[in-house]
PDB file of N, CA and C in Angstrom:
ATOM      1  N   UNK A   1       0.832  -1.187   0.001  1.00  0.00           N
ATOM      2  CA  UNK A   1      -0.005  -0.003   0.014  1.00  0.00           C
ATOM      3  C   UNK A   1       0.889   1.250   0.008  1.00  0.00           C
ATOM      4  N   UNK A   2       0.524   2.181  -0.792  1.00  0.00           N
ATOM      5  CA  UNK A   2       1.266   3.429  -0.964  1.00  0.00           C
ATOM      6  C   UNK A   2       0.736   4.496   0.002  1.00  0.00           C
ATOM      7  N   UNK A   3       1.664   5.203   0.666  1.00  0.00           N
ATOM      8  CA  UNK A   3       1.267   6.334   1.483  1.00  0.00           C
ATOM      9  C   UNK A   3       2.296   7.454   1.270  1.00  0.00           C
ATOM     10  N   UNK A   4       1.852   8.667   1.553  1.00  0.00           N
ATOM     11  CA  UNK A   4       2.711   9.828   1.512  1.00  0.00           C
ATOM     12  C   UNK A   4       2.333  10.772   2.634  1.00  0.00           C
ATOM     13  N   UNK A   5       3.277  11.509   3.162  1.00  0.00           N
ATOM     14  CA  UNK A   5       3.002  12.508   4.203  1.00  0.00           C
ATOM     15  C   UNK A   5       2.230  13.647   3.568  1.00  0.00           C
ATOM     16  N   UNK A   6       1.130  14.050   4.217  1.00  0.00           N
ATOM     17  CA  UNK A   6       0.280  15.064   3.617  1.00  0.00           C
ATOM     18  C   UNK A   6       0.920  16.423   3.560  1.00  0.00           C
ATOM     19  N   UNK A   7       1.725  16.797   4.573  1.00  0.00           N
ATOM     20  CA  UNK A   7       2.384  18.104   4.551  1.00  0.00           C
ATOM     21  C   UNK A   7       3.414  18.180   3.439  1.00  0.00           C
ATOM     22  N   UNK A   8       4.149  17.109   3.193  1.00  0.00           N
ATOM     23  CA  UNK A   8       5.136  17.071   2.126  1.00  0.00           C
ATOM     24  C   UNK A   8       4.436  17.147   0.756  1.00  0.00           C
ATOM     25  N   UNK A   9       3.342  16.413   0.604  1.00  0.00           N
ATOM     26  CA  UNK A   9       2.596  16.416  -0.667  1.00  0.00           C
ATOM     27  C   UNK A   9       2.072  17.829  -0.955  1.00  0.00           C
ATOM     28  N   UNK A  10       1.506  18.492   0.042  1.00  0.00           N
ATOM     29  CA  UNK A  10       0.983  19.796  -0.107  1.00  0.00           C
ATOM     30  C   UNK A  10       2.096  20.810  -0.427  1.00  0.00           C
ATOM     31  N   UNK A  11       3.203  20.708   0.204  1.00  0.00           N
ATOM     32  CA  UNK A  11       4.344  21.579  -0.045  1.00  0.00           C
ATOM     33  C   UNK A  11       4.825  21.417  -1.500  1.00  0.00           C
ATOM     34  N   UNK A  12       4.905  20.182  -1.969  1.00  0.00           N
ATOM     35  CA  UNK A  12       5.375  19.946  -3.321  1.00  0.00           C
ATOM     36  C   UNK A  12       4.334  20.355  -4.369  1.00  0.00           C
ATOM     37  N   UNK A  13       3.076  20.284  -4.038  1.00  0.00           N
ATOM     38  CA  UNK A  13       2.046  20.817  -4.968  1.00  0.00           C
ATOM     39  C   UNK A  13       2.246  22.310  -5.134  1.00  0.00           C
ATOM     40  N   UNK A  14       2.527  23.003  -4.047  1.00  0.00           N
ATOM     41  CA  UNK A  14       2.735  24.477  -4.141  1.00  0.00           C
ATOM     42  C   UNK A  14       3.952  24.775  -5.019  1.00  0.00           C
ATOM     43  N   UNK A  15       4.960  23.944  -4.977  1.00  0.00           N
ATOM     44  CA  UNK A  15       6.120  24.143  -5.822  1.00  0.00           C
ATOM     45  C   UNK A  15       5.824  23.958  -7.311  1.00  0.00           C
ATOM     46  N   UNK A  16       4.700  23.275  -7.616  1.00  0.00           N
ATOM     47  CA  UNK A  16       4.336  22.996  -8.995  1.00  0.00           C
ATOM     48  C   UNK A  16       3.297  23.942  -9.529  1.00  0.00           C
ATOM     49  N   UNK A  17       2.978  24.993  -8.753  1.00  0.00           N
ATOM     50  CA  UNK A  17       2.055  26.006  -9.282  1.00  0.00           C
ATOM     51  C   UNK A  17       0.692  26.027  -8.583  1.00  0.00           C
ATOM     52  N   UNK A  18       0.470  25.170  -7.615  1.00  0.00           N
ATOM     53  CA  UNK A  18      -0.775  25.197  -6.870  1.00  0.00           C
ATOM     54  C   UNK A  18      -0.648  26.210  -5.756  1.00  0.00           C
ATOM     55  N   UNK A  19      -1.755  26.826  -5.423  1.00  0.00           N
ATOM     56  CA  UNK A  19      -1.813  27.762  -4.300  1.00  0.00           C
ATOM     57  C   UNK A  19      -2.760  27.174  -3.263  1.00  0.00           C
ATOM     58  N   UNK A  20      -2.388  27.276  -2.032  1.00  0.00           N
ATOM     59  CA  UNK A  20      -3.235  26.679  -0.968  1.00  0.00           C
ATOM     60  C   UNK A  20      -4.171  27.733  -0.366  1.00  0.00           C
ATOM     61  N   UNK A  21      -5.329  27.262   0.002  1.00  0.00           N
ATOM     62  CA  UNK A  21      -6.345  28.045   0.679  1.00  0.00           C
ATOM     63  C   UNK A  21      -6.864  27.199   1.825  1.00  0.00           C
ATOM     64  N   UNK A  22      -6.697  27.655   3.031  1.00  0.00           N
ATOM     65  CA  UNK A  22      -7.085  26.845   4.193  1.00  0.00           C
ATOM     66  C   UNK A  22      -8.477  27.217   4.680  1.00  0.00           C
ATOM     67  N   UNK A  23      -9.309  26.224   4.756  1.00  0.00           N
ATOM     68  CA  UNK A  23     -10.613  26.327   5.440  1.00  0.00           C
ATOM     69  C   UNK A  23     -10.592  25.136   6.403  1.00  0.00           C
ATOM     70  N   UNK A  24     -11.637  24.323   6.433  1.00  0.00           N
ATOM     71  CA  UNK A  24     -11.597  23.112   7.216  1.00  0.00           C
ATOM     72  C   UNK A  24     -10.789  22.023   6.508  1.00  0.00           C
ATOM     73  N   UNK A  25     -10.436  22.298   5.231  1.00  0.00           N
ATOM     74  CA  UNK A  25      -9.518  21.447   4.465  1.00  0.00           C
ATOM     75  C   UNK A  25      -8.447  22.392   3.914  1.00  0.00           C
ATOM     76  N   UNK A  26      -7.363  21.834   3.397  1.00  0.00           N
ATOM     77  CA  UNK A  26      -6.388  22.615   2.678  1.00  0.00           C
ATOM     78  C   UNK A  26      -6.680  22.405   1.193  1.00  0.00           C
ATOM     79  N   UNK A  27      -7.172  23.429   0.526  1.00  0.00           N
ATOM     80  CA  UNK A  27      -7.478  23.351  -0.896  1.00  0.00           C
ATOM     81  C   UNK A  27      -6.251  23.823  -1.678  1.00  0.00           C
ATOM     82  N   UNK A  28      -5.985  23.125  -2.777  1.00  0.00           N
ATOM     83  CA  UNK A  28      -4.880  23.452  -3.641  1.00  0.00           C
ATOM     84  C   UNK A  28      -5.448  23.675  -5.051  1.00  0.00           C
ATOM     85  N   UNK A  29      -5.285  24.901  -5.560  1.00  0.00           N
ATOM     86  CA  UNK A  29      -5.800  25.283  -6.879  1.00  0.00           C
ATOM     87  C   UNK A  29      -4.615  25.614  -7.753  1.00  0.00           C
ATOM     88  N   UNK A  30      -4.617  25.066  -8.969  1.00  0.00           N
ATOM     89  CA  UNK A  30      -3.539  25.306  -9.914  1.00  0.00           C
ATOM     90  C   UNK A  30      -3.723  26.666 -10.588  1.00  0.00           C
ATOM     91  N   UNK A  31      -2.642  27.460 -10.588  1.00  0.00           N
ATOM     92  CA  UNK A  31      -2.616  28.745 -11.262  1.00  0.00           C
ATOM     93  C   UNK A  31      -1.597  28.624 -12.400  1.00  0.00           C
ATOM     94  N   UNK A  32      -1.965  29.119 -13.582  1.00  0.00           N
ATOM     95  CA  UNK A  32      -1.067  29.112 -14.737  1.00  0.00           C
ATOM     96  C   UNK A  32      -1.035  30.543 -15.278  1.00  0.00           C
ATOM     97  N   UNK A  33       0.156  31.102 -15.352  1.00  0.00           N
ATOM     98  CA  UNK A  33       0.339  32.482 -15.825  1.00  0.00           C
ATOM     99  C   UNK A  33      -0.545  33.455 -15.027  1.00  0.00           C
ATOM    100  N   UNK A  34      -0.613  33.229 -13.727  1.00  0.00           N
ATOM    101  CA  UNK A  34      -1.374  34.120 -12.856  1.00  0.00           C
ATOM    102  C   UNK A  34      -2.868  33.920 -12.866  1.00  0.00           C
ATOM    103  N   UNK A  35      -3.371  32.954 -13.648  1.00  0.00           N
ATOM    104  CA  UNK A  35      -4.807  32.750 -13.756  1.00  0.00           C
ATOM    105  C   UNK A  35      -5.183  31.445 -13.085  1.00  0.00           C
ATOM    106  N   UNK A  36      -6.295  31.486 -12.382  1.00  0.00           N
ATOM    107  CA  UNK A  36      -6.837  30.320 -11.702  1.00  0.00           C
ATOM    108  C   UNK A  36      -7.385  29.343 -12.751  1.00  0.00           C
ATOM    109  N   UNK A  37      -7.110  28.050 -12.554  1.00  0.00           N
ATOM    110  CA  UNK A  37      -7.625  27.019 -13.451  1.00  0.00           C
ATOM    111  C   UNK A  37      -8.682  26.221 -12.659  1.00  0.00           C
ATOM    112  N   UNK A  38      -9.439  25.387 -13.345  1.00  0.00           N
ATOM    113  CA  UNK A  38     -10.424  24.566 -12.627  1.00  0.00           C
ATOM    114  C   UNK A  38      -9.817  23.335 -11.957  1.00  0.00           C
ATOM    115  N   UNK A  39      -8.504  23.169 -12.072  1.00  0.00           N
ATOM    116  CA  UNK A  39      -7.816  21.995 -11.528  1.00  0.00           C
ATOM    117  C   UNK A  39      -7.481  22.264 -10.067  1.00  0.00           C
ATOM    118  N   UNK A  40      -8.061  21.434  -9.187  1.00  0.00           N
ATOM    119  CA  UNK A  40      -7.862  21.589  -7.763  1.00  0.00           C
ATOM    120  C   UNK A  40      -7.981  20.267  -7.053  1.00  0.00           C
ATOM    121  N   UNK A  41      -7.469  20.238  -5.849  1.00  0.00           N
ATOM    122  CA  UNK A  41      -7.594  19.088  -4.994  1.00  0.00           C
ATOM    123  C   UNK A  41      -7.577  19.599  -3.537  1.00  0.00           C
ATOM    124  N   UNK A  42      -7.781  18.733  -2.587  1.00  0.00           N
ATOM    125  CA  UNK A  42      -7.714  19.158  -1.197  1.00  0.00           C
ATOM    126  C   UNK A  42      -7.233  18.027  -0.307  1.00  0.00           C
ATOM    127  N   UNK A  43      -6.742  18.443   0.866  1.00  0.00           N
ATOM    128  CA  UNK A  43      -6.296  17.486   1.876  1.00  0.00           C
ATOM    129  C   UNK A  43      -7.015  17.882   3.179  1.00  0.00           C
ATOM    130  N   UNK A  44      -7.639  16.886   3.801  1.00  0.00           N
ATOM    131  CA  UNK A  44      -8.316  17.124   5.055  1.00  0.00           C
ATOM    132  C   UNK A  44      -7.279  17.523   6.091  1.00  0.00           C
ATOM    133  N   UNK A  45      -7.579  18.533   6.920  1.00  0.00           N
ATOM    134  CA  UNK A  45      -6.651  19.025   7.928  1.00  0.00           C
ATOM    135  C   UNK A  45      -6.197  17.893   8.888  1.00  0.00           C
ATOM    136  N   UNK A  46      -7.032  16.921   9.144  1.00  0.00           N
ATOM    137  CA  UNK A  46      -6.707  15.877  10.094  1.00  0.00           C
ATOM    138  C   UNK A  46      -5.803  14.786   9.536  1.00  0.00           C
ATOM    139  N   UNK A  47      -5.639  14.727   8.231  1.00  0.00           N
ATOM    140  CA  UNK A  47      -4.852  13.659   7.635  1.00  0.00           C
ATOM    141  C   UNK A  47      -3.365  13.985   7.720  1.00  0.00           C
ATOM    142  N   UNK A  48      -2.631  13.142   8.393  1.00  0.00           N
ATOM    143  CA  UNK A  48      -1.176  13.284   8.410  1.00  0.00           C
ATOM    144  C   UNK A  48      -0.508  12.514   7.307  1.00  0.00           C
ATOM    145  N   UNK A  49      -1.192  11.432   6.901  1.00  0.00           N
ATOM    146  CA  UNK A  49      -0.704  10.634   5.792  1.00  0.00           C
ATOM    147  C   UNK A  49      -1.862  10.423   4.779  1.00  0.00           C
ATOM    148  N   UNK A  50      -1.442  10.365   3.542  1.00  0.00           N
ATOM    149  CA  UNK A  50      -2.385  10.116   2.471  1.00  0.00           C
ATOM    150  C   UNK A  50      -2.260   8.647   2.104  1.00  0.00           C
ATOM    151  N   UNK A  51      -3.352   7.895   2.211  1.00  0.00           N
ATOM    152  CA  UNK A  51      -3.276   6.474   1.927  1.00  0.00           C
ATOM    153  C   UNK A  51      -3.508   6.274   0.415  1.00  0.00           C
ATOM    154  N   UNK A  52      -3.480   5.012   0.014  1.00  0.00           N
ATOM    155  CA  UNK A  52      -3.575   4.648  -1.395  1.00  0.00           C
ATOM    156  C   UNK A  52      -4.844   5.194  -2.035  1.00  0.00           C
ATOM    157  N   UNK A  53      -5.971   5.086  -1.329  1.00  0.00           N
ATOM    158  CA  UNK A  53      -7.247   5.548  -1.853  1.00  0.00           C
ATOM    159  C   UNK A  53      -7.221   7.080  -2.079  1.00  0.00           C
ATOM    160  N   UNK A  54      -6.770   7.826  -1.071  1.00  0.00           N
ATOM    161  CA  UNK A  54      -6.722   9.283  -1.166  1.00  0.00           C
ATOM    162  C   UNK A  54      -5.789   9.742  -2.288  1.00  0.00           C
ATOM    163  N   UNK A  55      -4.662   9.095  -2.410  1.00  0.00           N
ATOM    164  CA  UNK A  55      -3.718   9.420  -3.488  1.00  0.00           C
ATOM    165  C   UNK A  55      -4.376   9.242  -4.877  1.00  0.00           C
ATOM    166  N   UNK A  56      -5.137   8.160  -5.007  1.00  0.00           N
ATOM    167  CA  UNK A  56      -5.850   7.919  -6.240  1.00  0.00           C
ATOM    168  C   UNK A  56      -6.916   8.969  -6.537  1.00  0.00           C
ATOM    169  N   UNK A  57      -7.617   9.368  -5.495  1.00  0.00           N
ATOM    170  CA  UNK A  57      -8.649  10.389  -5.672  1.00  0.00           C
ATOM    171  C   UNK A  57      -8.033  11.766  -6.023  1.00  0.00           C
ATOM    172  N   UNK A  58      -6.928  12.078  -5.368  1.00  0.00           N
ATOM    173  CA  UNK A  58      -6.252  13.351  -5.657  1.00  0.00           C
ATOM    174  C   UNK A  58      -5.699  13.336  -7.085  1.00  0.00           C
ATOM    175  N   UNK A  59      -5.211  12.197  -7.512  1.00  0.00           N
ATOM    176  CA  UNK A  59      -4.670  12.068  -8.883  1.00  0.00           C
ATOM    177  C   UNK A  59      -5.782  12.385  -9.889  1.00  0.00           C
ATOM    178  N   UNK A  60      -6.955  11.850  -9.676  1.00  0.00           N
ATOM    179  CA  UNK A  60      -8.084  12.144 -10.554  1.00  0.00           C
ATOM    180  C   UNK A  60      -8.412  13.650 -10.606  1.00  0.00           C
ATOM    181  N   UNK A  61      -8.382  14.254  -9.418  1.00  0.00           N
ATOM    182  CA  UNK A  61      -8.737  15.664  -9.301  1.00  0.00           C
ATOM    183  C   UNK A  61      -7.766  16.567 -10.032  1.00  0.00           C
ATOM    184  N   UNK A  62      -6.500  16.163 -10.100  1.00  0.00           N
ATOM    185  CA  UNK A  62      -5.500  16.994 -10.775  1.00  0.00           C
ATOM    186  C   UNK A  62      -5.217  16.470 -12.181  1.00  0.00           C
ATOM    187  N   UNK A  63      -6.121  15.594 -12.654  1.00  0.00           N
ATOM    188  CA  UNK A  63      -6.114  15.085 -14.042  1.00  0.00           C
ATOM    189  C   UNK A  63      -4.869  14.279 -14.400  1.00  0.00           C
ATOM    190  N   UNK A  64      -4.425  13.427 -13.473  1.00  0.00           N
ATOM    191  CA  UNK A  64      -3.298  12.521 -13.749  1.00  0.00           C
ATOM    192  C   UNK A  64      -3.650  11.122 -13.323  1.00  0.00           C
ATOM    193  N   UNK A  65      -2.887  10.178 -13.839  1.00  0.00           N
ATOM    194  CA  UNK A  65      -2.954   8.811 -13.339  1.00  0.00           C
ATOM    195  C   UNK A  65      -2.232   8.784 -11.997  1.00  0.00           C
ATOM    196  N   UNK A  66      -2.445   7.733 -11.237  1.00  0.00           N
ATOM    197  CA  UNK A  66      -1.857   7.667  -9.894  1.00  0.00           C
ATOM    198  C   UNK A  66      -0.310   7.689  -9.977  1.00  0.00           C
ATOM    199  N   UNK A  67       0.273   6.907 -10.865  1.00  0.00           N
ATOM    200  CA  UNK A  67       1.742   6.910 -10.970  1.00  0.00           C
ATOM    201  C   UNK A  67       2.291   8.291 -11.334  1.00  0.00           C
ATOM    202  N   UNK A  68       1.594   8.975 -12.229  1.00  0.00           N
ATOM    203  CA  UNK A  68       2.026  10.330 -12.588  1.00  0.00           C
ATOM    204  C   UNK A  68       1.894  11.268 -11.425  1.00  0.00           C
ATOM    205  N   UNK A  69       0.808  11.110 -10.672  1.00  0.00           N
ATOM    206  CA  UNK A  69       0.593  11.983  -9.501  1.00  0.00           C
ATOM    207  C   UNK A  69       1.700  11.773  -8.460  1.00  0.00           C
ATOM    208  N   UNK A  70       2.072  10.517  -8.230  1.00  0.00           N
ATOM    209  CA  UNK A  70       3.177  10.266  -7.292  1.00  0.00           C
ATOM    210  C   UNK A  70       4.487  10.912  -7.791  1.00  0.00           C
ATOM    211  N   UNK A  71       4.705  10.896  -9.101  1.00  0.00           N
ATOM    212  CA  UNK A  71       5.886  11.614  -9.660  1.00  0.00           C
ATOM    213  C   UNK A  71       5.762  13.101  -9.437  1.00  0.00           C
ATOM    214  N   UNK A  72       4.548  13.635  -9.491  1.00  0.00           N
ATOM    215  CA  UNK A  72       4.350  15.061  -9.295  1.00  0.00           C
ATOM    216  C   UNK A  72       4.643  15.432  -7.862  1.00  0.00           C
ATOM    217  N   UNK A  73       4.130  14.699  -6.890  1.00  0.00           N
ATOM    218  CA  UNK A  73       4.338  15.078  -5.479  1.00  0.00           C
ATOM    219  C   UNK A  73       5.687  14.618  -4.922  1.00  0.00           C
ATOM    220  N   UNK A  74       6.324  13.628  -5.590  1.00  0.00           N
ATOM    221  CA  UNK A  74       7.664  13.205  -5.153  1.00  0.00           C
ATOM    222  C   UNK A  74       8.753  14.004  -5.870  1.00  0.00           C
ATOM    223  N   UNK A  75       8.359  14.842  -6.808  1.00  0.00           N
ATOM    224  CA  UNK A  75       9.209  15.811  -7.533  1.00  0.00           C
ATOM    225  C   UNK A  75       9.988  15.348  -8.724  1.00  0.00           C
ATOM    226  N   UNK A  76       9.934  14.094  -9.215  1.00  0.00           N
ATOM    227  CA  UNK A  76      10.598  13.829 -10.490  1.00  0.00           C
ATOM    228  C   UNK A  76       9.905  14.557 -11.641  1.00  0.00           C
ATOM    229  N   UNK A  77       8.602  14.814 -11.528  1.00  0.00           N
ATOM    230  CA  UNK A  77       7.882  15.542 -12.582  1.00  0.00           C
ATOM    231  C   UNK A  77       7.956  17.048 -12.297  1.00  0.00           C
ATOM    232  N   UNK A  78       8.470  17.799 -13.254  1.00  0.00           N
ATOM    233  CA  UNK A  78       8.567  19.248 -13.078  1.00  0.00           C
ATOM    234  C   UNK A  78       7.227  19.928 -13.373  1.00  0.00           C
ATOM    235  N   UNK A  79       7.150  21.196 -13.030  1.00  0.00           N
ATOM    236  CA  UNK A  79       5.959  21.948 -13.301  1.00  0.00           C
ATOM    237  C   UNK A  79       5.684  21.979 -14.812  1.00  0.00           C
ATOM    238  N   UNK A  80       6.719  22.219 -15.605  1.00  0.00           N
ATOM    239  CA  UNK A  80       6.580  22.267 -17.068  1.00  0.00           C
ATOM    240  C   UNK A  80       6.096  20.928 -17.633  1.00  0.00           C
ATOM    241  N   UNK A  81       6.623  19.833 -17.105  1.00  0.00           N
ATOM    242  CA  UNK A  81       6.190  18.525 -17.574  1.00  0.00           C
ATOM    243  C   UNK A  81       4.710  18.294 -17.228  1.00  0.00           C
ATOM    244  N   UNK A  82       4.309  18.724 -16.033  1.00  0.00           N
ATOM    245  CA  UNK A  82       2.910  18.611 -15.623  1.00  0.00           C
ATOM    246  C   UNK A  82       2.002  19.435 -16.520  1.00  0.00           C
ATOM    247  N   UNK A  83       2.381  20.673 -16.794  1.00  0.00           N
ATOM    248  CA  UNK A  83       1.558  21.509 -17.648  1.00  0.00           C
ATOM    249  C   UNK A  83       1.513  20.970 -19.067  1.00  0.00           C
ATOM    250  N   UNK A  84       2.613  20.412 -19.565  1.00  0.00           N
ATOM    251  CA  UNK A  84       2.624  19.795 -20.898  1.00  0.00           C
ATOM    252  C   UNK A  84       1.677  18.595 -20.932  1.00  0.00           C
ATOM    253  N   UNK A  85       1.669  17.805 -19.862  1.00  0.00           N
ATOM    254  CA  UNK A  85       0.734  16.665 -19.786  1.00  0.00           C
ATOM    255  C   UNK A  85      -0.719  17.118 -19.803  1.00  0.00           C
ATOM    256  N   UNK A  86      -1.013  18.179 -19.017  1.00  0.00           N
ATOM    257  CA  UNK A  86      -2.373  18.695 -18.990  1.00  0.00           C
ATOM    258  C   UNK A  86      -2.775  19.225 -20.380  1.00  0.00           C
ATOM    259  N   UNK A  87      -1.869  19.956 -21.033  1.00  0.00           N
ATOM    260  CA  UNK A  87      -2.186  20.501 -22.334  1.00  0.00           C
ATOM    261  C   UNK A  87      -2.393  19.385 -23.388  1.00  0.00           C
ATOM    262  N   UNK A  88      -1.541  18.359 -23.345  1.00  0.00           N
ATOM    263  CA  UNK A  88      -1.653  17.290 -24.354  1.00  0.00           C
ATOM    264  C   UNK A  88      -2.925  16.502 -24.167  1.00  0.00           C
ATOM    265  N   UNK A  89      -3.499  16.505 -22.964  1.00  0.00           N
ATOM    266  CA  UNK A  89      -4.763  15.791 -22.706  1.00  0.00           C
ATOM    267  C   UNK A  89      -5.951  16.743 -22.703  1.00  0.00           C
ATOM    268  N   UNK A  90      -5.754  17.950 -23.197  1.00  0.00           N
ATOM    269  CA  UNK A  90      -6.812  18.938 -23.332  1.00  0.00           C
ATOM    270  C   UNK A  90      -7.484  19.338 -21.992  1.00  0.00           C
ATOM    271  N   UNK A  91      -6.689  19.387 -20.921  1.00  0.00           N
ATOM    272  CA  UNK A  91      -7.194  19.831 -19.638  1.00  0.00           C
ATOM    273  C   UNK A  91      -6.879  21.283 -19.386  1.00  0.00           C
ATOM    274  N   UNK A  92      -6.020  21.855 -20.217  1.00  0.00           N
ATOM    275  CA  UNK A  92      -5.703  23.304 -20.124  1.00  0.00           C
ATOM    276  C   UNK A  92      -5.886  23.914 -21.520  1.00  0.00           C
TER     277      UNK A  92
END
């Protein structure tokens, strides 16, 4: 089973162009060239670790497969590679 630390995942999403907004969850919205996109995900404030299910759900929300999402939050995938993937799949 795959898990990731939620604070590390959130931090790495911010490095890839997401901005966080805290309410009862931490929402992450992707901004491209200063403009808000419809691509977003969130992490429940109480979650210290993201389990396999949550990672899969977050991957769907940011328009990636689970393996690609893990590359995004573990940092092998750069912001430019992520944006290219979104553009090639007509999500941007």
